[in-house]
Amino acid sequence: MGNIYNTSSVRLLRALLLATVLLFATQNTILAQQNDTIVAQQKETHVDKKKQKKQKKPHSKFRRWLMRTDSLRLQLRSSADRGQMLQWSDSLIIAEINKSKMSEKKKQRYIKHLTKIQKRLAKYDHKLFWGDSLLAANYHKAKYDTAYIGRPDARWTIKFRGNLSGADVRTTTVTDGVENRSRVTADCRGTLSMAVAYRGLGLGVAVNPAKFAGKCKDFEYNLNSYSNRYGFDVVFLSSKTYHGYKQAGTQRIDIHKGQISQNALNLNFYYAFNYRRFSFPAAFSQSYIQKRSAGSWMIGASFDGSKTKLSDMTIRLNEFAVGAGYAYNLVAFSHWLFHLSALPTVTVYSHDYTKTKTTADEDNAPSATSTMRHDMKYHFPSAIITGRAAAVYSWRNKFAGATAVYNYSVAGDEDHLQVRRNKWRVRMFFGFRF
């Protein structure tokens, strides 16, 4: 009996030990798996943090660069307000000299040289401050209703523009009851320009990529000045790329590039009566801000002069016209500005004529060339029409939009020669103020 009890107790102890060992082994396995999972999660978290740091690092660098740039801008503006625009960096230069490891003799030498430069800059700063004061007084002079028109608070304006322009000429004559027509079109001209303005006084530079590549022989000059009360446009065009056709009855003849050349000068002037509430430059130069919708009647004057050379004929046009029109600025959704205007003018003076070369063959004699001049008759209504449109979107210190200008003129009479000219320009722009 004793042996039986001893054997059973031994078996029981062995079973308990085996169960204990299995339990510890299972727990160790579970703990190991949990530790592996925790380590893997920690690794993933560490990798994610590294990725986040890598992602945030460029943003933080850019943010620091912006803050530094804005700090320098504020320092420059503060110096300009004190009349020390050219001397704003003196304190920075002196601080860098003191931080450097150069000897005291060199430091004193540099500081002495800097002091001499400061005296010269102080004289120039005095003149700049005087000129800036005059510009500021004129810039902020309120000759308008501030509820409708305002001035940007920023001093500087930088604008980038893309321009596209074109022109075409149509002629009509009636000879012996037969109508002769022609139509020629110049190649479109695309230019890129940049303009910088300070307190409303600006300067711009434009380049034609096609001209640099030798693909365009035309050139165009534009000069404009806009204010709330009056403004003007001056456009000079020289083109040798006119091409098209002429039709005499049922016969059609193609006109190729190089057969026609033209130099043209166009001037437009306007005067707005409601200049206290309506701002023309708010749409076209962005030097003003139209706060509320307003319109204005306008009077204007136009001059259209051109010299067109063909193989055997030269056409000279000189037209001066006066007229009246209307313009309107629509302010929509507080950020949008839409402009539409038309200014038709009727010709009051014209000096138009043609010169034709004729060649006569004589027996046993060289060919003789003669030039005949014919004055072009005035036909009412000879007119010059100018239409403008614009759309501008403004947000914060930025603005973007597009403008369009269209010129149409007609001169002469069909019995001798009637000339109709079309010229257009589309401009897209983006700018910011600071």
Protein backbone atom coordinates (compact mmCIF):
# COMPACT_ATOMS: atom_id res chain seq x y z
CA MET A 1 0.00 0.00 0.00
CA GLY A 2 2.78 2.36 0.93
CA ASN A 3 4.49 1.71 -2.34
CA ILE A 4 1.31 2.36 -4.27
CA TYR A 5 0.83 5.75 -2.53
CA ASN A 6 4.48 6.67 -3.10
CA THR A 7 4.26 5.83 -6.82
CA SER A 8 1.08 7.83 -7.31
CA SER A 9 2.49 10.85 -5.48
CA VAL A 10 5.62 10.77 -7.63
CA ARG A 11 3.49 10.66 -10.76
CA LEU A 12 1.46 13.57 -9.47
CA LEU A 13 4.56 15.60 -8.74
CA ARG A 14 5.93 14.87 -12.22
CA ALA A 15 2.66 16.01 -13.80
CA LEU A 16 2.66 19.19 -11.74
CA LEU A 17 6.25 19.92 -12.70
CA LEU A 18 5.55 19.29 -16.38
CA ALA A 19 2.50 21.57 -16.30
CA THR A 20 4.53 24.26 -14.54
CA VAL A 21 7.28 24.03 -17.15
CA LEU A 22 4.76 24.18 -20.01
CA LEU A 23 3.05 27.19 -18.41
CA PHE A 24 6.32 29.08 -18.02
CA ALA A 25 7.31 28.22 -21.57
CA THR A 26 3.98 29.45 -22.94
CA GLN A 27 4.23 32.68 -20.91
CA ASN A 28 7.78 33.25 -22.13
CA THR A 29 6.67 32.70 -25.71
CA ILE A 30 3.79 35.16 -25.30
CA LEU A 31 6.06 37.70 -23.61
CA ALA A 32 8.64 37.31 -26.37
CA GLN A 33 5.97 37.85 -29.02
CA GLN A 34 4.68 40.88 -27.14
CA ASN A 35 8.20 42.27 -26.82
CA ASP A 36 8.78 41.72 -30.56
CA THR A 37 5.53 43.48 -31.33
CA ILE A 38 6.44 46.39 -29.04
CA VAL A 39 9.91 46.66 -30.57
CA ALA A 40 8.44 46.58 -34.09
CA GLN A 41 5.91 49.26 -33.15
CA GLN A 42 8.67 51.37 -31.63
CA LYS A 43 10.75 50.96 -34.79
CA GLU A 44 7.78 51.95 -36.96
CA THR A 45 7.09 54.94 -34.74
CA HIS A 46 10.75 55.93 -34.89
CA VAL A 47 10.73 55.64 -38.70
CA ASP A 48 7.51 57.65 -38.89
CA LYS A 49 9.02 60.32 -36.69
CA LYS A 50 12.08 60.44 -38.93
CA LYS A 51 9.84 60.76 -41.99
CA GLN A 52 7.84 63.50 -40.33
CA LYS A 53 11.04 65.27 -39.39
CA LYS A 54 12.29 64.96 -42.94
CA GLN A 55 8.97 66.27 -44.23
CA LYS A 56 8.80 69.11 -41.76
CA LYS A 57 12.42 70.11 -42.14
CA PRO A 58 12.12 71.86 -45.54
CA HIS A 59 8.96 73.62 -44.41
CA SER A 60 10.67 74.83 -41.28
CA LYS A 61 13.68 76.02 -43.28
CA PHE A 62 11.42 77.87 -45.72
CA ARG A 63 9.47 79.35 -42.83
CA ARG A 64 12.68 80.56 -41.19
CA TRP A 65 13.81 82.03 -44.51
CA LEU A 66 10.50 83.86 -44.89
CA MET A 67 10.71 85.21 -41.35
CA ARG A 68 14.25 86.39 -41.93
CA THR A 69 13.30 88.03 -45.23
CA ASP A 70 10.29 89.73 -43.67
CA SER A 71 12.49 90.95 -40.81
CA LEU A 72 14.92 92.52 -43.28
CA ARG A 73 11.98 94.08 -45.13
CA LEU A 74 10.66 95.63 -41.92
CA GLN A 75 14.12 96.94 -41.09
CA LEU A 76 14.41 98.48 -44.55
CA ARG A 77 10.97 100.09 -44.26
CA SER A 78 11.77 101.45 -40.81
CA SER A 79 15.03 102.91 -42.09
CA ALA A 80 13.21 104.45 -45.06
CA ASP A 81 10.68 106.08 -42.72
CA ARG A 82 13.59 107.63 -40.80
CA GLY A 83 15.25 108.84 -43.98
CA GLN A 84 18.04 106.24 -43.80
CA MET A 85 17.16 103.93 -46.67
CA LEU A 86 20.76 103.54 -47.84
CA GLN A 87 22.09 103.19 -44.30
CA TRP A 88 19.77 100.47 -43.06
CA SER A 89 22.48 97.79 -43.17
CA ASP A 90 25.13 99.76 -41.25
CA SER A 91 24.24 98.23 -37.88
CA LEU A 92 24.30 94.73 -39.39
CA ILE A 93 27.72 95.30 -40.94
CA ILE A 94 29.16 96.68 -37.69
CA ALA A 95 27.74 93.72 -35.73
CA GLU A 96 29.35 91.27 -38.18
CA ILE A 97 32.69 93.09 -37.91
CA ASN A 98 32.60 92.92 -34.11
CA LYS A 99 31.74 89.19 -34.24
CA SER A 100 34.62 88.39 -36.58
CA LYS A 101 37.97 87.01 -35.31
CA MET A 102 40.10 89.66 -37.02
CA SER A 103 42.43 91.82 -35.03
CA GLU A 104 41.33 95.02 -33.36
CA LYS A 105 43.42 97.12 -35.78
CA LYS A 106 41.60 95.65 -38.77
CA LYS A 107 38.24 96.14 -37.04
CA GLN A 108 39.00 99.79 -36.38
CA ARG A 109 40.22 100.24 -39.96
CA TYR A 110 37.01 98.78 -41.40
CA ILE A 111 34.82 100.81 -39.05
CA LYS A 112 36.70 104.01 -39.96
CA HIS A 113 36.22 103.29 -43.67
CA LEU A 114 32.54 102.52 -43.05
CA THR A 115 32.12 105.85 -41.25
CA LYS A 116 33.34 107.73 -44.36
CA ILE A 117 30.87 105.82 -46.52
CA GLN A 118 28.06 106.61 -44.06
CA LYS A 119 28.65 110.34 -44.47
CA ARG A 120 28.20 110.06 -48.25
CA LEU A 121 25.15 107.85 -47.90
CA ALA A 122 23.61 110.32 -45.44
CA LYS A 123 23.67 113.03 -48.15
CA TYR A 124 22.00 110.74 -50.68
CA ASP A 125 19.48 109.60 -48.07
CA HIS A 126 18.49 113.22 -47.44
CA LYS A 127 17.73 113.72 -51.14
CA LEU A 128 15.89 110.41 -51.41
CA PHE A 129 13.82 111.19 -48.35
CA TRP A 130 12.86 114.58 -49.80
CA GLY A 131 11.82 112.99 -53.10
CA ASP A 132 9.95 110.20 -51.32
CA SER A 133 8.06 112.75 -49.23
CA LEU A 134 6.87 114.51 -52.39
CA LEU A 135 5.78 111.19 -53.95
CA ALA A 136 4.02 110.16 -50.73
CA ALA A 137 2.15 113.47 -50.51
CA ASN A 138 0.97 113.15 -54.10
CA TYR A 139 0.22 109.43 -53.69
CA HIS A 140 -2.04 109.90 -50.68
CA LYS A 141 -3.69 113.12 -51.89
CA ALA A 142 -7.37 112.25 -51.82
CA LYS A 143 -8.97 113.84 -54.89
CA TYR A 144 -11.63 111.14 -54.94
CA ASP A 145 -14.45 109.70 -52.88
CA THR A 146 -12.76 107.25 -50.49
CA ALA A 147 -15.97 105.21 -50.24
CA TYR A 148 -15.58 104.28 -53.93
CA ILE A 149 -11.84 104.53 -54.63
CA GLY A 150 -8.77 103.77 -52.54
CA ARG A 151 -5.00 103.54 -52.78
CA PRO A 152 -2.99 100.37 -51.96
CA ASP A 153 -1.16 100.70 -48.65
CA ALA A 154 2.00 99.09 -50.02
CA ARG A 155 4.72 101.19 -51.57
CA TRP A 156 6.09 98.74 -54.11
CA THR A 157 4.27 96.82 -56.82
CA ILE A 158 5.83 94.11 -58.99
CA LYS A 159 3.87 92.83 -61.97
CA PHE A 160 4.55 90.09 -64.54
CA ARG A 161 2.69 90.28 -67.86
CA GLY A 162 2.17 88.25 -70.99
CA ASN A 163 1.02 90.19 -74.07
CA LEU A 164 -0.47 89.07 -77.38
CA SER A 165 -1.30 91.53 -80.18
CA GLY A 166 -2.30 91.51 -83.84
CA ALA A 167 -3.44 93.71 -86.71
CA ASP A 168 -5.09 93.47 -90.12
CA VAL A 169 -5.85 95.85 -93.00
CA ARG A 170 -8.73 95.72 -95.50
CA THR A 171 -9.09 97.84 -98.65
CA THR A 172 -11.99 98.38 -101.07
CA THR A 173 -11.92 100.13 -104.46
CA VAL A 174 -14.37 100.36 -107.35
CA THR A 175 -12.84 100.67 -110.83
CA ASP A 176 -15.04 100.71 -113.95
CA GLY A 177 -17.86 99.21 -111.95
CA VAL A 178 -15.69 96.32 -110.73
CA GLU A 179 -15.13 96.01 -106.97
CA ASN A 180 -11.60 95.19 -105.86
CA ARG A 181 -10.97 93.96 -102.34
CA SER A 182 -7.93 92.99 -100.33
CA ARG A 183 -7.27 91.71 -96.83
CA VAL A 184 -3.89 91.23 -95.19
CA THR A 185 -3.07 90.12 -91.66
CA ALA A 186 0.15 90.55 -89.67
CA ASP A 187 1.64 87.78 -87.58
CA CYS A 188 0.60 87.77 -83.92
CA ARG A 189 3.23 89.17 -81.59
CA GLY A 190 3.78 87.67 -78.15
CA THR A 191 5.86 89.41 -75.50
CA LEU A 192 6.77 88.86 -71.86
CA SER A 193 7.20 91.86 -69.63
CA MET A 194 7.93 92.86 -66.05
CA ALA A 195 6.98 96.13 -64.41
CA VAL A 196 8.03 97.69 -61.10
CA ALA A 197 6.17 100.61 -59.54
CA TYR A 198 6.91 102.72 -56.45
CA ARG A 199 4.08 104.87 -55.10
CA GLY A 200 2.31 104.77 -58.47
CA LEU A 201 5.43 105.61 -60.52
CA GLY A 202 6.37 102.57 -62.60
CA LEU A 203 8.74 101.28 -65.26
CA GLY A 204 8.40 98.14 -67.37
CA VAL A 205 10.54 96.11 -69.75
CA ALA A 206 9.21 93.72 -72.41
CA VAL A 207 10.94 91.10 -74.56
CA ASN A 208 9.76 89.12 -77.58
CA PRO A 209 11.12 85.55 -77.46
CA ALA A 210 10.33 85.03 -81.17
CA LYS A 211 12.42 88.08 -82.09
CA PHE A 212 15.46 86.74 -80.24
CA ALA A 213 15.01 83.46 -82.11
CA GLY A 214 14.92 85.35 -85.44
CA LYS A 215 11.36 84.21 -86.22
CA CYS A 216 9.71 87.64 -86.01
CA LYS A 217 10.70 90.86 -87.79
CA ASP A 218 7.87 92.99 -86.40
CA PHE A 219 8.19 95.21 -83.37
CA GLU A 220 5.79 97.27 -81.31
CA TYR A 221 6.20 100.02 -78.71
CA ASN A 222 3.57 100.82 -76.09
CA LEU A 223 3.47 103.83 -73.78
CA ASN A 224 0.53 104.50 -71.50
CA SER A 225 -0.37 106.59 -68.50
CA TYR A 226 -3.66 106.24 -66.61
CA SER A 227 -5.18 108.39 -63.89
CA ASN A 228 -8.71 108.71 -62.58
CA ARG A 229 -9.34 111.95 -64.46
CA TYR A 230 -7.43 111.47 -67.75
CA GLY A 231 -4.97 109.15 -69.49
CA PHE A 232 -3.46 108.22 -72.83
CA ASP A 233 -2.12 105.33 -74.94
CA VAL A 234 0.66 105.54 -77.51
CA VAL A 235 1.26 102.55 -79.80
CA PHE A 236 3.84 102.34 -82.59
CA LEU A 237 3.85 99.29 -84.86
CA SER A 238 6.29 98.31 -87.58
CA SER A 239 5.34 95.18 -89.51
CA LYS A 240 6.68 93.32 -92.55
CA THR A 241 4.73 90.11 -92.04
CA TYR A 242 1.43 91.11 -93.64
CA HIS A 243 0.00 88.35 -95.80
CA GLY A 244 -3.38 87.61 -97.33
CA TYR A 245 -5.04 88.12 -100.70
CA LYS A 246 -6.54 90.62 -103.13
CA GLN A 247 -9.61 89.96 -105.23
CA ALA A 248 -10.54 91.72 -108.47
CA GLY A 249 -13.95 90.49 -109.52
CA THR A 250 -13.68 86.72 -109.62
CA GLN A 251 -9.88 86.66 -109.75
CA ARG A 252 -8.02 86.06 -106.50
CA ILE A 253 -4.29 86.71 -106.02
CA ASP A 254 -2.36 85.66 -102.92
CA ILE A 255 -0.19 88.21 -101.11
CA HIS A 256 2.86 86.73 -99.41
CA LYS A 257 4.98 88.01 -96.54
CA GLY A 258 7.45 90.71 -97.49
CA GLN A 259 5.30 92.24 -100.22
CA ILE A 260 3.72 94.75 -97.80
CA SER A 261 5.37 96.77 -95.05
CA GLN A 262 3.70 99.21 -92.68
CA ASN A 263 4.62 101.73 -89.98
CA ALA A 264 1.68 102.87 -87.89
CA LEU A 265 1.24 105.27 -84.96
CA ASN A 266 -1.91 105.28 -82.84
CA LEU A 267 -2.72 107.72 -80.00
CA ASN A 268 -5.75 107.65 -77.70
CA PHE A 269 -6.69 110.17 -75.02
CA TYR A 270 -9.59 110.08 -72.55
CA TYR A 271 -11.11 112.34 -69.90
CA ALA A 272 -13.50 110.86 -67.30
CA PHE A 273 -16.10 113.17 -65.78
CA ASN A 274 -16.91 111.01 -62.74
CA TYR A 275 -13.27 110.70 -61.71
CA ARG A 276 -14.12 111.02 -58.00
CA ARG A 277 -15.98 107.67 -57.99
CA PHE A 278 -14.80 105.90 -61.14
CA SER A 279 -11.19 104.70 -61.48
CA PHE A 280 -9.88 103.76 -64.92
CA PRO A 281 -6.41 102.70 -63.63
CA ALA A 282 -7.99 100.31 -61.10
CA ALA A 283 -8.73 98.01 -64.04
CA PHE A 284 -5.68 98.62 -66.25
CA SER A 285 -2.71 99.55 -64.06
CA GLN A 286 -3.89 98.41 -60.58
CA SER A 287 -2.50 101.61 -59.05
CA TYR A 288 -5.94 102.29 -57.51
CA ILE A 289 -8.60 100.05 -55.92
CA GLN A 290 -12.24 100.29 -56.96
CA LYS A 291 -14.24 99.60 -53.76
CA ARG A 292 -17.78 100.03 -55.12
CA SER A 293 -19.27 99.82 -58.61
CA ALA A 294 -19.31 103.06 -60.58
CA GLY A 295 -19.31 104.37 -64.15
CA SER A 296 -18.46 107.56 -65.99
CA TRP A 297 -19.10 109.38 -69.25
CA MET A 298 -15.91 110.15 -71.14
CA ILE A 299 -14.69 112.37 -73.94
CA GLY A 300 -11.68 111.47 -75.99
CA ALA A 301 -9.47 112.16 -78.95
CA SER A 302 -7.65 109.78 -81.29
CA PHE A 303 -4.95 110.03 -83.92
CA ASP A 304 -4.25 107.32 -86.46
CA GLY A 305 -1.28 107.67 -88.78
CA SER A 306 0.23 105.01 -91.04
CA LYS A 307 2.46 104.50 -94.05
CA THR A 308 1.85 101.32 -96.03
CA LYS A 309 4.16 100.34 -98.88
CA LEU A 310 3.23 97.94 -101.66
CA SER A 311 5.16 97.02 -104.77
CA ASP A 312 3.84 99.93 -106.84
CA MET A 313 1.82 101.99 -104.35
CA THR A 314 2.25 103.85 -101.06
CA ILE A 315 -0.75 104.66 -98.84
CA ARG A 316 -0.50 107.53 -96.31
CA LEU A 317 -3.20 108.00 -93.68
CA ASN A 318 -3.40 110.82 -91.14
CA GLU A 319 -6.66 110.92 -89.17
CA PHE A 320 -7.59 113.02 -86.15
CA ALA A 321 -10.90 112.33 -84.42
CA VAL A 322 -12.87 113.43 -81.34
CA GLY A 323 -15.82 111.79 -79.64
CA ALA A 324 -17.46 110.60 -76.43
CA GLY A 325 -18.19 107.28 -74.76
CA TYR A 326 -18.95 105.51 -71.49
CA ALA A 327 -17.04 103.26 -69.10
CA TYR A 328 -18.15 101.16 -66.13
CA ASN A 329 -16.41 99.30 -63.31
CA LEU A 330 -18.37 96.45 -61.71
CA VAL A 331 -17.18 95.24 -58.28
CA ALA A 332 -18.48 91.71 -57.66
CA PHE A 333 -18.02 89.43 -54.63
CA SER A 334 -15.57 91.92 -53.05
CA HIS A 335 -12.59 90.33 -54.87
CA TRP A 336 -13.57 90.75 -58.53
CA LEU A 337 -13.47 93.83 -60.74
CA PHE A 338 -14.91 93.88 -64.27
CA HIS A 339 -14.45 96.77 -66.70
CA LEU A 340 -16.12 97.57 -70.01
CA SER A 341 -15.82 100.78 -72.04
CA ALA A 342 -16.31 102.11 -75.55
CA LEU A 343 -15.04 105.42 -76.92
CA PRO A 344 -16.10 106.11 -80.55
CA THR A 345 -14.61 109.19 -82.22
CA VAL A 346 -15.48 110.85 -85.53
CA THR A 347 -12.77 112.15 -87.84
CA VAL A 348 -12.62 115.94 -87.95
CA TYR A 349 -9.36 116.24 -89.88
CA SER A 350 -7.83 113.92 -92.49
CA HIS A 351 -4.85 114.11 -94.77
CA ASP A 352 -4.95 110.87 -96.76
CA TYR A 353 -3.41 110.18 -100.14
CA THR A 354 -1.84 107.49 -102.33
CA LYS A 355 1.25 107.50 -104.51
CA THR A 356 1.36 105.18 -107.49
CA LYS A 357 4.41 104.39 -109.61
CA THR A 358 3.88 103.95 -113.35
CA THR A 359 6.38 102.80 -115.93
CA ALA A 360 6.19 103.91 -119.58
CA ASP A 361 8.07 102.15 -122.37
CA GLU A 362 9.21 104.29 -125.30
CA ASP A 363 10.71 103.18 -128.56
CA ASN A 364 14.51 103.00 -128.53
CA ALA A 365 14.55 104.56 -125.02
CA PRO A 366 14.90 103.31 -121.47
CA SER A 367 11.75 102.89 -119.37
CA ALA A 368 10.57 106.04 -117.64
CA THR A 369 9.11 105.87 -114.13
CA SER A 370 6.69 108.47 -112.83
CA THR A 371 4.81 108.88 -109.54
CA MET A 372 1.18 109.98 -109.44
CA ARG A 373 -0.45 111.28 -106.27
CA HIS A 374 -4.17 110.96 -105.58
CA ASP A 375 -5.89 112.55 -102.61
CA MET A 376 -8.34 110.25 -100.85
CA LYS A 377 -11.83 111.69 -100.49
CA TYR A 378 -13.40 112.10 -97.08
CA HIS A 379 -16.44 109.93 -96.55
CA PHE A 380 -18.73 110.30 -93.55
CA PRO A 381 -18.63 108.62 -91.16
CA SER A 382 -14.87 108.16 -90.99
CA ALA A 383 -14.26 107.07 -87.45
CA ILE A 384 -11.82 105.61 -84.92
CA ILE A 385 -13.37 103.37 -82.26
CA THR A 386 -11.57 102.21 -79.12
CA GLY A 387 -13.04 99.48 -76.90
CA ARG A 388 -11.60 98.14 -73.67
CA ALA A 389 -12.40 95.27 -71.30
CA ALA A 390 -10.76 93.95 -68.13
CA ALA A 391 -11.20 91.40 -65.34
CA VAL A 392 -9.14 91.62 -62.13
CA TYR A 393 -9.12 89.31 -59.09
CA SER A 394 -7.48 90.59 -55.89
CA TRP A 395 -6.66 88.75 -52.66
CA ARG A 396 -4.46 89.82 -49.76
CA ASN A 397 -1.50 91.65 -51.35
CA LYS A 398 -1.77 89.87 -54.73
CA PHE A 399 -3.78 90.38 -57.90
CA ALA A 400 -4.21 88.68 -61.28
CA GLY A 401 -6.35 89.22 -64.35
CA ALA A 402 -6.55 90.07 -68.04
CA THR A 403 -7.17 93.17 -70.16
CA ALA A 404 -8.12 93.66 -73.81
CA VAL A 405 -7.92 96.74 -76.06
CA TYR A 406 -9.43 96.94 -79.56
CA ASN A 407 -8.94 99.73 -82.12
CA TYR A 408 -10.92 100.09 -85.34
CA SER A 409 -10.50 102.85 -87.92
CA VAL A 410 -11.96 103.55 -91.37
CA ALA A 411 -10.79 106.17 -93.85
CA GLY A 412 -11.36 107.11 -97.49
CA ASP A 413 -14.12 106.43 -100.00
CA GLU A 414 -14.84 103.31 -102.04
CA ASP A 415 -14.83 105.29 -105.30
CA HIS A 416 -11.08 105.75 -104.93
CA LEU A 417 -9.81 103.75 -101.93
CA GLN A 418 -11.27 102.88 -98.57
CA VAL A 419 -9.00 101.50 -95.83
CA ARG A 420 -10.21 99.74 -92.68
CA ARG A 421 -7.72 98.83 -89.95
CA ASN A 422 -8.15 96.58 -86.93
CA LYS A 423 -5.71 96.33 -84.08
CA TRP A 424 -6.06 94.38 -80.82
CA ARG A 425 -4.04 93.52 -77.75
CA VAL A 426 -4.72 91.00 -74.96
CA ARG A 427 -2.71 91.12 -71.74
CA MET A 428 -2.58 88.65 -68.82
CA PHE A 429 -0.85 89.64 -65.61
CA PHE A 430 0.02 88.66 -62.06
CA GLY A 431 1.42 90.97 -59.40
CA PHE A 432 1.91 91.56 -55.72
CA ARG A 433 2.40 94.57 -53.47
CA PHE A 434 4.72 95.04 -50.49
